[in-house]
Amino acid sequence: MRRDPKRIEKVFTAIETGDVTEASRLSRGSRDPVLRMMWNGLNHQHASLQGALQVAAGIEIKRAGRFLVVMDTLVTLAPLLGLLGTITGLIRSFSFLGNEELAVQAVTGGIAEALIATACGLGIAIFSLIPFNFFTSRVSNLEFELQTAATNLEVMLEAQTKAAREVGIGETTTPSSATRSSI
C-alpha cells in the first residue's frame, strides 16, 4: 500500500482553485488507495459522489485487508491444534499405564509429546499475532484516512458548487482551505 500525501495535497489544491479536471488527472492511475478513491469520486460526482466514494473506499479497505482473514485463522487455529496435540499425547500416555513394562518411559514420552504440541501451538499463535495486529492497525488507519479524504472531498466540492451558484447571482466567494482537515 503506497501512500502519496504530497499528491493528495495537490489534488485538494486543484479542487480549491476550481480545477476539478486537474484534480482528476492528478489522482488517475495512482497506487495510493486514498487517491484511487478520490479519482472514483471525482469521476462519478455528477451521478452520486457519496455513493462512488463509499463503494471505492469499501473496495480499498477490502483490498488492504484481504490477507487478514488468513492471519486471524492462523492465530486462532494454532493454539487449538496445540491443544489437540496435548490431548492425543496424554491419551497416548494413559494408554501405557496398564502395561507394566516400560510404562514410565512410555508415559513420559506421551507427556513430552503433549508439551511439545502445546508449545508449538502457542509459539505459532504468538508470532502470528504480532504481524496480524500490525496489519490490522494499518487497515484501520487506512479506513480513517479514506473517511477523512472522502469528507474533505465532499465538503470542498459542495463549497465549490455553492460558490459557483453565488457567482452566478453576483457574489464572489472562494472555498477556504479551512474547510479541509489534515490527512
N, C-alpha and C. Protein backbone atom coordinates (compact mmCIF):
# COMPACT_ATOMS: atom_id res chain seq x y z
N MET A 1 0.86 -1.16 0.00
CA MET A 1 0.00 0.00 0.00
C MET A 1 0.91 1.23 0.00
N ARG A 2 1.03 1.84 -1.15
CA ARG A 2 1.88 3.02 -1.28
C ARG A 2 1.06 4.27 -0.99
N ARG A 3 1.63 5.14 -0.19
CA ARG A 3 0.96 6.39 0.16
C ARG A 3 1.65 7.55 -0.54
N ASP A 4 0.89 8.56 -0.91
CA ASP A 4 1.43 9.72 -1.62
C ASP A 4 0.75 11.00 -1.09
N PRO A 5 1.11 11.43 0.13
CA PRO A 5 0.42 12.58 0.73
C PRO A 5 0.64 13.89 -0.05
N LYS A 6 1.78 14.05 -0.70
CA LYS A 6 2.03 15.27 -1.47
C LYS A 6 1.07 15.38 -2.66
N ARG A 7 0.83 14.25 -3.30
CA ARG A 7 -0.09 14.24 -4.44
C ARG A 7 -1.53 14.48 -3.97
N ILE A 8 -1.87 13.94 -2.81
CA ILE A 8 -3.21 14.19 -2.24
C ILE A 8 -3.38 15.69 -2.01
N GLU A 9 -2.36 16.31 -1.47
CA GLU A 9 -2.41 17.76 -1.22
C GLU A 9 -2.57 18.53 -2.53
N LYS A 10 -1.90 18.08 -3.58
CA LYS A 10 -2.03 18.73 -4.90
C LYS A 10 -3.46 18.59 -5.43
N VAL A 11 -4.06 17.42 -5.20
CA VAL A 11 -5.45 17.21 -5.64
C VAL A 11 -6.38 18.17 -4.91
N PHE A 12 -6.21 18.28 -3.60
CA PHE A 12 -7.06 19.20 -2.83
C PHE A 12 -6.83 20.65 -3.25
N THR A 13 -5.59 21.00 -3.54
CA THR A 13 -5.29 22.36 -4.01
C THR A 13 -5.97 22.64 -5.35
N ALA A 14 -5.93 21.65 -6.25
CA ALA A 14 -6.60 21.82 -7.54
C ALA A 14 -8.10 22.01 -7.35
N ILE A 15 -8.69 21.27 -6.43
CA ILE A 15 -10.13 21.41 -6.17
C ILE A 15 -10.41 22.79 -5.58
N GLU A 16 -9.55 23.26 -4.67
CA GLU A 16 -9.73 24.58 -4.08
C GLU A 16 -9.72 25.68 -5.13
N THR A 17 -8.87 25.51 -6.13
CA THR A 17 -8.78 26.53 -7.17
C THR A 17 -9.87 26.35 -8.24
N GLY A 18 -10.69 25.32 -8.08
CA GLY A 18 -11.79 25.10 -9.00
C GLY A 18 -11.45 24.25 -10.21
N ASP A 19 -10.28 23.64 -10.21
CA ASP A 19 -9.85 22.83 -11.36
C ASP A 19 -10.07 21.34 -11.08
N VAL A 20 -11.31 20.91 -11.19
CA VAL A 20 -11.66 19.51 -10.91
C VAL A 20 -11.03 18.58 -11.94
N THR A 21 -10.89 19.04 -13.17
CA THR A 21 -10.27 18.23 -14.22
C THR A 21 -8.82 17.93 -13.86
N GLU A 22 -8.11 18.93 -13.38
CA GLU A 22 -6.70 18.73 -12.96
C GLU A 22 -6.65 17.80 -11.75
N ALA A 23 -7.57 17.95 -10.81
CA ALA A 23 -7.62 17.08 -9.64
C ALA A 23 -7.82 15.63 -10.07
N SER A 24 -8.72 15.42 -11.04
CA SER A 24 -8.97 14.08 -11.55
C SER A 24 -7.73 13.53 -12.25
N ARG A 25 -7.05 14.38 -13.04
CA ARG A 25 -5.83 13.95 -13.74
C ARG A 25 -4.74 13.56 -12.74
N LEU A 26 -4.61 14.35 -11.66
CA LEU A 26 -3.58 14.07 -10.65
C LEU A 26 -3.85 12.77 -9.90
N SER A 27 -5.11 12.45 -9.71
CA SER A 27 -5.44 11.25 -8.93
C SER A 27 -5.53 9.99 -9.78
N ARG A 28 -5.55 10.13 -11.10
CA ARG A 28 -5.68 8.99 -12.00
C ARG A 28 -4.42 8.12 -11.96
N GLY A 29 -4.60 6.82 -11.95
CA GLY A 29 -3.50 5.86 -12.07
C GLY A 29 -2.60 5.77 -10.87
N SER A 30 -3.00 6.29 -9.73
CA SER A 30 -2.15 6.27 -8.54
C SER A 30 -2.19 4.90 -7.86
N ARG A 31 -1.13 4.60 -7.13
CA ARG A 31 -1.11 3.37 -6.32
C ARG A 31 -1.59 3.65 -4.90
N ASP A 32 -1.81 4.91 -4.59
CA ASP A 32 -2.31 5.31 -3.27
C ASP A 32 -3.81 5.03 -3.20
N PRO A 33 -4.26 4.25 -2.22
CA PRO A 33 -5.69 3.92 -2.15
C PRO A 33 -6.58 5.14 -1.92
N VAL A 34 -6.08 6.15 -1.22
CA VAL A 34 -6.87 7.36 -0.99
C VAL A 34 -7.06 8.10 -2.32
N LEU A 35 -6.01 8.19 -3.11
CA LEU A 35 -6.11 8.85 -4.41
C LEU A 35 -7.02 8.08 -5.37
N ARG A 36 -6.96 6.75 -5.31
CA ARG A 36 -7.86 5.96 -6.16
C ARG A 36 -9.32 6.21 -5.80
N MET A 37 -9.59 6.30 -4.50
CA MET A 37 -10.95 6.59 -4.05
C MET A 37 -11.37 7.99 -4.49
N MET A 38 -10.46 8.95 -4.36
CA MET A 38 -10.77 10.32 -4.76
C MET A 38 -11.03 10.39 -6.27
N TRP A 39 -10.24 9.69 -7.05
CA TRP A 39 -10.44 9.67 -8.50
C TRP A 39 -11.83 9.13 -8.83
N ASN A 40 -12.20 8.05 -8.15
CA ASN A 40 -13.52 7.47 -8.38
C ASN A 40 -14.62 8.48 -8.06
N GLY A 41 -14.47 9.18 -6.93
CA GLY A 41 -15.46 10.19 -6.56
C GLY A 41 -15.51 11.34 -7.53
N LEU A 42 -14.35 11.83 -7.95
CA LEU A 42 -14.30 12.96 -8.89
C LEU A 42 -14.91 12.60 -10.24
N ASN A 43 -14.77 11.37 -10.66
CA ASN A 43 -15.28 10.97 -11.96
C ASN A 43 -16.72 10.47 -11.94
N HIS A 44 -17.31 10.39 -10.75
CA HIS A 44 -18.71 9.98 -10.64
C HIS A 44 -19.51 10.98 -9.80
N GLN A 45 -18.98 12.17 -9.64
CA GLN A 45 -19.63 13.14 -8.75
C GLN A 45 -20.99 13.60 -9.25
N HIS A 46 -21.21 13.57 -10.54
CA HIS A 46 -22.49 14.04 -11.05
C HIS A 46 -23.60 13.02 -10.84
N ALA A 47 -23.23 11.74 -10.76
CA ALA A 47 -24.23 10.69 -10.51
C ALA A 47 -24.50 10.59 -9.01
N SER A 48 -23.48 10.24 -8.25
CA SER A 48 -23.61 10.13 -6.80
C SER A 48 -22.21 10.15 -6.19
N LEU A 49 -21.78 11.33 -5.78
CA LEU A 49 -20.44 11.48 -5.21
C LEU A 49 -20.28 10.60 -3.98
N GLN A 50 -21.21 10.70 -3.06
CA GLN A 50 -21.11 9.94 -1.82
C GLN A 50 -21.14 8.44 -2.08
N GLY A 51 -22.01 8.00 -2.97
CA GLY A 51 -22.07 6.57 -3.30
C GLY A 51 -20.79 6.09 -3.93
N ALA A 52 -20.23 6.87 -4.86
CA ALA A 52 -18.98 6.49 -5.51
C ALA A 52 -17.84 6.41 -4.51
N LEU A 53 -17.79 7.37 -3.58
CA LEU A 53 -16.74 7.37 -2.56
C LEU A 53 -16.88 6.16 -1.63
N GLN A 54 -18.11 5.85 -1.24
CA GLN A 54 -18.33 4.71 -0.34
C GLN A 54 -17.94 3.39 -1.01
N VAL A 55 -18.34 3.21 -2.25
CA VAL A 55 -18.00 1.98 -2.96
C VAL A 55 -16.49 1.86 -3.13
N ALA A 56 -15.85 2.95 -3.55
CA ALA A 56 -14.40 2.93 -3.76
C ALA A 56 -13.66 2.70 -2.44
N ALA A 57 -14.12 3.32 -1.36
CA ALA A 57 -13.48 3.12 -0.05
C ALA A 57 -13.64 1.67 0.40
N GLY A 58 -14.81 1.11 0.18
CA GLY A 58 -15.03 -0.30 0.54
C GLY A 58 -14.10 -1.23 -0.22
N ILE A 59 -13.92 -0.95 -1.50
CA ILE A 59 -13.01 -1.78 -2.32
C ILE A 59 -11.58 -1.66 -1.80
N GLU A 60 -11.16 -0.45 -1.46
CA GLU A 60 -9.79 -0.24 -0.97
C GLU A 60 -9.56 -0.92 0.38
N ILE A 61 -10.55 -0.84 1.26
CA ILE A 61 -10.42 -1.48 2.58
C ILE A 61 -10.38 -3.00 2.41
N LYS A 62 -11.23 -3.52 1.54
CA LYS A 62 -11.22 -4.97 1.29
C LYS A 62 -9.89 -5.41 0.71
N ARG A 63 -9.35 -4.63 -0.22
CA ARG A 63 -8.06 -4.96 -0.83
C ARG A 63 -6.94 -4.93 0.21
N ALA A 64 -6.96 -3.94 1.09
CA ALA A 64 -5.91 -3.81 2.10
C ALA A 64 -5.98 -4.94 3.13
N GLY A 65 -7.18 -5.42 3.44
CA GLY A 65 -7.32 -6.44 4.48
C GLY A 65 -7.52 -7.84 3.95
N ARG A 66 -7.18 -8.08 2.69
CA ARG A 66 -7.50 -9.37 2.07
C ARG A 66 -6.80 -10.56 2.72
N PHE A 67 -5.66 -10.36 3.36
CA PHE A 67 -4.95 -11.49 3.97
C PHE A 67 -5.15 -11.56 5.48
N LEU A 68 -5.88 -10.61 6.03
CA LEU A 68 -6.09 -10.62 7.47
C LEU A 68 -6.90 -11.82 7.93
N VAL A 69 -7.79 -12.31 7.10
CA VAL A 69 -8.60 -13.48 7.46
C VAL A 69 -7.70 -14.71 7.65
N VAL A 70 -6.72 -14.86 6.76
CA VAL A 70 -5.80 -15.99 6.86
C VAL A 70 -4.98 -15.88 8.15
N MET A 71 -4.48 -14.67 8.42
CA MET A 71 -3.68 -14.49 9.64
C MET A 71 -4.53 -14.69 10.89
N ASP A 72 -5.76 -14.21 10.88
CA ASP A 72 -6.65 -14.39 12.02
C ASP A 72 -6.93 -15.86 12.26
N THR A 73 -7.14 -16.61 11.18
CA THR A 73 -7.38 -18.05 11.29
C THR A 73 -6.16 -18.75 11.88
N LEU A 74 -4.98 -18.35 11.44
CA LEU A 74 -3.74 -18.94 11.96
C LEU A 74 -3.58 -18.67 13.45
N VAL A 75 -3.84 -17.44 13.86
CA VAL A 75 -3.72 -17.07 15.27
C VAL A 75 -4.72 -17.86 16.12
N THR A 76 -5.90 -18.07 15.59
CA THR A 76 -6.94 -18.79 16.34
C THR A 76 -6.73 -20.29 16.32
N LEU A 77 -6.33 -20.82 15.17
CA LEU A 77 -6.24 -22.26 15.00
C LEU A 77 -5.00 -22.88 15.64
N ALA A 78 -3.89 -22.17 15.67
CA ALA A 78 -2.63 -22.74 16.19
C ALA A 78 -2.76 -23.23 17.64
N PRO A 79 -3.31 -22.44 18.57
CA PRO A 79 -3.44 -22.96 19.94
C PRO A 79 -4.39 -24.15 20.03
N LEU A 80 -5.42 -24.16 19.16
CA LEU A 80 -6.35 -25.29 19.16
C LEU A 80 -5.66 -26.56 18.68
N LEU A 81 -4.83 -26.45 17.66
CA LEU A 81 -4.07 -27.62 17.22
C LEU A 81 -3.07 -28.06 18.28
N GLY A 82 -2.48 -27.08 18.99
CA GLY A 82 -1.60 -27.42 20.11
C GLY A 82 -2.35 -28.16 21.20
N LEU A 83 -3.57 -27.72 21.48
CA LEU A 83 -4.40 -28.40 22.48
C LEU A 83 -4.77 -29.80 22.02
N LEU A 84 -5.06 -29.97 20.74
CA LEU A 84 -5.35 -31.29 20.19
C LEU A 84 -4.14 -32.21 20.37
N GLY A 85 -2.94 -31.69 20.08
CA GLY A 85 -1.72 -32.48 20.29
C GLY A 85 -1.51 -32.83 21.75
N THR A 86 -1.88 -31.90 22.62
CA THR A 86 -1.77 -32.17 24.06
C THR A 86 -2.69 -33.32 24.45
N ILE A 87 -3.90 -33.29 23.98
CA ILE A 87 -4.87 -34.34 24.31
C ILE A 87 -4.40 -35.69 23.77
N THR A 88 -3.96 -35.73 22.50
CA THR A 88 -3.52 -37.01 21.93
C THR A 88 -2.28 -37.53 22.65
N GLY A 89 -1.40 -36.62 23.06
CA GLY A 89 -0.21 -37.04 23.82
C GLY A 89 -0.58 -37.63 25.18
N LEU A 90 -1.53 -37.00 25.85
CA LEU A 90 -1.98 -37.52 27.15
C LEU A 90 -2.73 -38.83 27.00
N ILE A 91 -3.53 -38.94 25.94
CA ILE A 91 -4.23 -40.21 25.69
C ILE A 91 -3.21 -41.31 25.48
N ARG A 92 -2.17 -41.00 24.71
CA ARG A 92 -1.11 -41.99 24.46
C ARG A 92 -0.42 -42.38 25.76
N SER A 93 -0.17 -41.39 26.62
CA SER A 93 0.47 -41.67 27.90
C SER A 93 -0.38 -42.58 28.77
N PHE A 94 -1.67 -42.28 28.86
CA PHE A 94 -2.55 -43.08 29.70
C PHE A 94 -2.78 -44.48 29.14
N SER A 95 -2.62 -44.62 27.84
CA SER A 95 -2.80 -45.96 27.27
C SER A 95 -1.70 -46.92 27.71
N PHE A 96 -0.57 -46.40 28.12
CA PHE A 96 0.54 -47.26 28.57
C PHE A 96 0.50 -47.53 30.07
N LEU A 97 -0.37 -46.91 30.81
CA LEU A 97 -0.38 -47.10 32.26
C LEU A 97 -0.72 -48.52 32.68
N GLY A 98 -1.54 -49.20 31.95
CA GLY A 98 -1.91 -50.58 32.30
C GLY A 98 -0.78 -51.55 32.03
N ASN A 99 0.13 -51.22 31.16
CA ASN A 99 1.24 -52.08 30.80
C ASN A 99 2.38 -51.86 31.80
N GLU A 100 2.83 -52.92 32.44
CA GLU A 100 3.85 -52.76 33.47
C GLU A 100 5.25 -52.60 32.90
N GLU A 101 5.48 -53.10 31.70
CA GLU A 101 6.81 -53.00 31.11
C GLU A 101 7.01 -51.61 30.51
N LEU A 102 8.04 -50.96 30.86
CA LEU A 102 8.44 -49.66 30.32
C LEU A 102 7.33 -48.61 30.40
N ALA A 103 6.45 -48.72 31.36
CA ALA A 103 5.33 -47.78 31.49
C ALA A 103 5.82 -46.37 31.78
N VAL A 104 6.86 -46.25 32.58
CA VAL A 104 7.36 -44.92 32.95
C VAL A 104 7.90 -44.19 31.73
N GLN A 105 8.69 -44.88 30.93
CA GLN A 105 9.26 -44.25 29.73
C GLN A 105 8.16 -43.90 28.71
N ALA A 106 7.20 -44.76 28.56
CA ALA A 106 6.12 -44.51 27.60
C ALA A 106 5.25 -43.34 28.06
N VAL A 107 4.96 -43.29 29.36
CA VAL A 107 4.13 -42.21 29.89
C VAL A 107 4.86 -40.88 29.74
N THR A 108 6.13 -40.83 30.10
CA THR A 108 6.87 -39.58 29.98
C THR A 108 7.02 -39.15 28.51
N GLY A 109 7.13 -40.11 27.59
CA GLY A 109 7.19 -39.78 26.17
C GLY A 109 5.90 -39.14 25.70
N GLY A 110 4.76 -39.64 26.16
CA GLY A 110 3.47 -39.06 25.79
C GLY A 110 3.28 -37.67 26.37
N ILE A 111 3.77 -37.49 27.62
CA ILE A 111 3.67 -36.16 28.24
C ILE A 111 4.58 -35.17 27.50
N ALA A 112 5.75 -35.63 27.09
CA ALA A 112 6.65 -34.77 26.33
C ALA A 112 6.00 -34.37 25.00
N GLU A 113 5.35 -35.32 24.35
CA GLU A 113 4.64 -35.03 23.10
C GLU A 113 3.56 -33.98 23.33
N ALA A 114 2.85 -34.11 24.45
CA ALA A 114 1.79 -33.16 24.77
C ALA A 114 2.36 -31.76 25.00
N LEU A 115 3.46 -31.67 25.71
CA LEU A 115 4.07 -30.37 25.99
C LEU A 115 4.64 -29.72 24.72
N ILE A 116 5.25 -30.53 23.88
CA ILE A 116 5.79 -30.01 22.62
C ILE A 116 4.67 -29.47 21.74
N ALA A 117 3.56 -30.20 21.65
CA ALA A 117 2.42 -29.75 20.85
C ALA A 117 1.87 -28.44 21.38
N THR A 118 1.75 -28.33 22.70
CA THR A 118 1.26 -27.10 23.31
C THR A 118 2.19 -25.93 23.02
N ALA A 119 3.48 -26.15 23.20
CA ALA A 119 4.46 -25.09 22.95
C ALA A 119 4.46 -24.65 21.49
N CYS A 120 4.37 -25.59 20.57
CA CYS A 120 4.34 -25.23 19.14
C CYS A 120 3.10 -24.42 18.80
N GLY A 121 1.96 -24.86 19.28
CA GLY A 121 0.72 -24.14 19.01
C GLY A 121 0.75 -22.72 19.56
N LEU A 122 1.21 -22.57 20.79
CA LEU A 122 1.30 -21.23 21.38
C LEU A 122 2.35 -20.37 20.67
N GLY A 123 3.48 -20.98 20.31
CA GLY A 123 4.53 -20.24 19.61
C GLY A 123 4.05 -19.70 18.28
N ILE A 124 3.38 -20.54 17.52
CA ILE A 124 2.86 -20.10 16.21
C ILE A 124 1.84 -18.97 16.41
N ALA A 125 0.96 -19.11 17.39
CA ALA A 125 -0.05 -18.08 17.64
C ALA A 125 0.59 -16.76 18.06
N ILE A 126 1.57 -16.84 18.94
CA ILE A 126 2.22 -15.62 19.44
C ILE A 126 2.95 -14.90 18.30
N PHE A 127 3.70 -15.64 17.51
CA PHE A 127 4.45 -15.00 16.42
C PHE A 127 3.55 -14.55 15.27
N SER A 128 2.39 -15.13 15.15
CA SER A 128 1.44 -14.69 14.12
C SER A 128 0.63 -13.48 14.58
N LEU A 129 0.46 -13.35 15.87
CA LEU A 129 -0.34 -12.26 16.42
C LEU A 129 0.32 -10.90 16.20
N ILE A 130 1.63 -10.84 16.23
CA ILE A 130 2.34 -9.56 16.06
C ILE A 130 2.09 -8.97 14.68
N PRO A 131 2.36 -9.69 13.58
CA PRO A 131 2.06 -9.10 12.27
C PRO A 131 0.55 -8.90 12.04
N PHE A 132 -0.27 -9.78 12.60
CA PHE A 132 -1.72 -9.62 12.46
C PHE A 132 -2.16 -8.28 13.05
N ASN A 133 -1.71 -7.97 14.26
CA ASN A 133 -2.07 -6.70 14.89
C ASN A 133 -1.50 -5.51 14.12
N PHE A 134 -0.28 -5.65 13.60
CA PHE A 134 0.33 -4.57 12.82
C PHE A 134 -0.50 -4.27 11.58
N PHE A 135 -0.85 -5.30 10.82
CA PHE A 135 -1.61 -5.09 9.59
C PHE A 135 -3.05 -4.67 9.87
N THR A 136 -3.63 -5.16 10.94
CA THR A 136 -4.97 -4.71 11.32
C THR A 136 -4.96 -3.22 11.64
N SER A 137 -3.92 -2.78 12.32
CA SER A 137 -3.78 -1.36 12.63
C SER A 137 -3.62 -0.52 11.35
N ARG A 138 -2.86 -1.03 10.41
CA ARG A 138 -2.68 -0.30 9.14
C ARG A 138 -4.00 -0.19 8.38
N VAL A 139 -4.78 -1.26 8.36
CA VAL A 139 -6.07 -1.21 7.68
C VAL A 139 -7.00 -0.23 8.39
N SER A 140 -6.97 -0.21 9.71
CA SER A 140 -7.79 0.73 10.48
C SER A 140 -7.38 2.17 10.18
N ASN A 141 -6.07 2.43 10.11
CA ASN A 141 -5.59 3.77 9.77
C ASN A 141 -6.02 4.17 8.36
N LEU A 142 -5.94 3.22 7.43
CA LEU A 142 -6.36 3.49 6.06
C LEU A 142 -7.85 3.84 6.03
N GLU A 143 -8.64 3.11 6.78
CA GLU A 143 -10.08 3.38 6.83
C GLU A 143 -10.34 4.80 7.30
N PHE A 144 -9.61 5.24 8.33
CA PHE A 144 -9.76 6.60 8.83
C PHE A 144 -9.35 7.63 7.77
N GLU A 145 -8.23 7.38 7.11
CA GLU A 145 -7.76 8.30 6.08
C GLU A 145 -8.73 8.37 4.90
N LEU A 146 -9.31 7.23 4.53
CA LEU A 146 -10.30 7.23 3.45
C LEU A 146 -11.54 8.04 3.85
N GLN A 147 -12.01 7.86 5.08
CA GLN A 147 -13.17 8.61 5.55
C GLN A 147 -12.87 10.11 5.58
N THR A 148 -11.69 10.47 6.07
CA THR A 148 -11.31 11.88 6.15
C THR A 148 -11.21 12.50 4.76
N ALA A 149 -10.55 11.81 3.84
CA ALA A 149 -10.41 12.33 2.48
C ALA A 149 -11.76 12.44 1.79
N ALA A 150 -12.62 11.45 1.99
CA ALA A 150 -13.95 11.48 1.37
C ALA A 150 -14.76 12.66 1.90
N THR A 151 -14.71 12.87 3.19
CA THR A 151 -15.43 14.00 3.78
C THR A 151 -14.88 15.32 3.26
N ASN A 152 -13.55 15.44 3.22
CA ASN A 152 -12.93 16.66 2.70
C ASN A 152 -13.34 16.90 1.26
N LEU A 153 -13.33 15.86 0.46
CA LEU A 153 -13.69 15.99 -0.95
C LEU A 153 -15.13 16.45 -1.09
N GLU A 154 -16.02 15.83 -0.33
CA GLU A 154 -17.44 16.23 -0.39
C GLU A 154 -17.63 17.68 0.02
N VAL A 155 -16.99 18.09 1.12
CA VAL A 155 -17.13 19.46 1.62
C VAL A 155 -16.58 20.46 0.61
N MET A 156 -15.41 20.15 0.06
CA MET A 156 -14.78 21.08 -0.88
C MET A 156 -15.57 21.21 -2.18
N LEU A 157 -16.06 20.09 -2.69
CA LEU A 157 -16.85 20.15 -3.92
C LEU A 157 -18.18 20.86 -3.68
N GLU A 158 -18.78 20.65 -2.52
CA GLU A 158 -20.02 21.35 -2.17
C GLU A 158 -19.76 22.84 -2.04
N ALA A 159 -18.64 23.22 -1.41
CA ALA A 159 -18.29 24.63 -1.28
C ALA A 159 -18.05 25.25 -2.66
N GLN A 160 -17.42 24.49 -3.54
CA GLN A 160 -17.16 24.98 -4.90
C GLN A 160 -18.48 25.17 -5.65
N THR A 161 -19.39 24.22 -5.51
CA THR A 161 -20.69 24.32 -6.17
C THR A 161 -21.48 25.51 -5.63
N LYS A 162 -21.44 25.68 -4.33
CA LYS A 162 -22.14 26.81 -3.69
C LYS A 162 -21.54 28.13 -4.16
N ALA A 163 -20.21 28.19 -4.23
CA ALA A 163 -19.55 29.42 -4.69
C ALA A 163 -19.91 29.71 -6.14
N ALA A 164 -19.98 28.67 -6.97
CA ALA A 164 -20.34 28.86 -8.38
C ALA A 164 -21.76 29.40 -8.50
N ARG A 165 -22.65 28.92 -7.66
CA ARG A 165 -24.03 29.41 -7.67
C ARG A 165 -24.08 30.87 -7.25
N GLU A 166 -23.30 31.23 -6.22
CA GLU A 166 -23.28 32.60 -5.73
C GLU A 166 -22.66 33.54 -6.75
N VAL A 167 -21.66 33.07 -7.49
CA VAL A 167 -21.04 33.88 -8.53
C VAL A 167 -22.06 34.14 -9.62
N GLY A 168 -22.88 33.15 -9.88
CA GLY A 168 -23.94 33.32 -10.87
C GLY A 168 -24.94 34.38 -10.42
N ILE A 169 -25.13 34.52 -9.13
CA ILE A 169 -26.05 35.53 -8.59
C ILE A 169 -25.38 36.90 -8.54
N GLY A 170 -24.06 36.93 -8.45
CA GLY A 170 -23.36 38.21 -8.44
C GLY A 170 -22.39 38.33 -7.28
N GLU A 171 -22.40 37.40 -6.34
CA GLU A 171 -21.46 37.43 -5.23
C GLU A 171 -20.25 36.60 -5.59
N THR A 172 -19.12 36.93 -5.02
CA THR A 172 -17.91 36.13 -5.27
C THR A 172 -17.39 35.60 -3.96
N THR A 173 -17.25 34.29 -3.90
CA THR A 173 -16.63 33.63 -2.76
C THR A 173 -15.76 32.52 -3.29
N THR A 174 -14.75 32.22 -2.55
CA THR A 174 -13.88 31.10 -2.91
C THR A 174 -13.85 30.14 -1.75
N PRO A 175 -13.77 28.86 -2.03
CA PRO A 175 -13.71 27.88 -0.95
C PRO A 175 -12.46 28.11 -0.11
N SER A 176 -12.60 28.05 1.16
CA SER A 176 -11.47 28.29 2.06
C SER A 176 -10.73 27.00 2.32
N SER A 177 -9.43 27.13 2.47
CA SER A 177 -8.64 25.94 2.82
C SER A 177 -8.95 25.50 4.24
N ALA A 178 -9.63 26.35 5.01
CA ALA A 178 -10.01 25.97 6.36
C ALA A 178 -11.09 24.91 6.36
N THR A 179 -11.76 24.68 5.22
CA THR A 179 -12.78 23.63 5.17
C THR A 179 -12.15 22.26 5.12
N ARG A 180 -10.88 22.19 4.93
CA ARG A 180 -10.20 20.91 4.77
C ARG A 180 -9.46 20.57 6.05
N SER A 181 -9.60 19.35 6.52
CA SER A 181 -8.81 18.92 7.67
C SER A 181 -7.59 18.17 7.17
N SER A 182 -6.60 18.12 7.99
CA SER A 182 -5.33 17.50 7.60
C SER A 182 -5.46 15.99 7.56
N ILE A 183 -4.79 15.38 6.60
CA ILE A 183 -4.80 13.92 6.48
C ILE A 183 -3.54 13.39 7.08
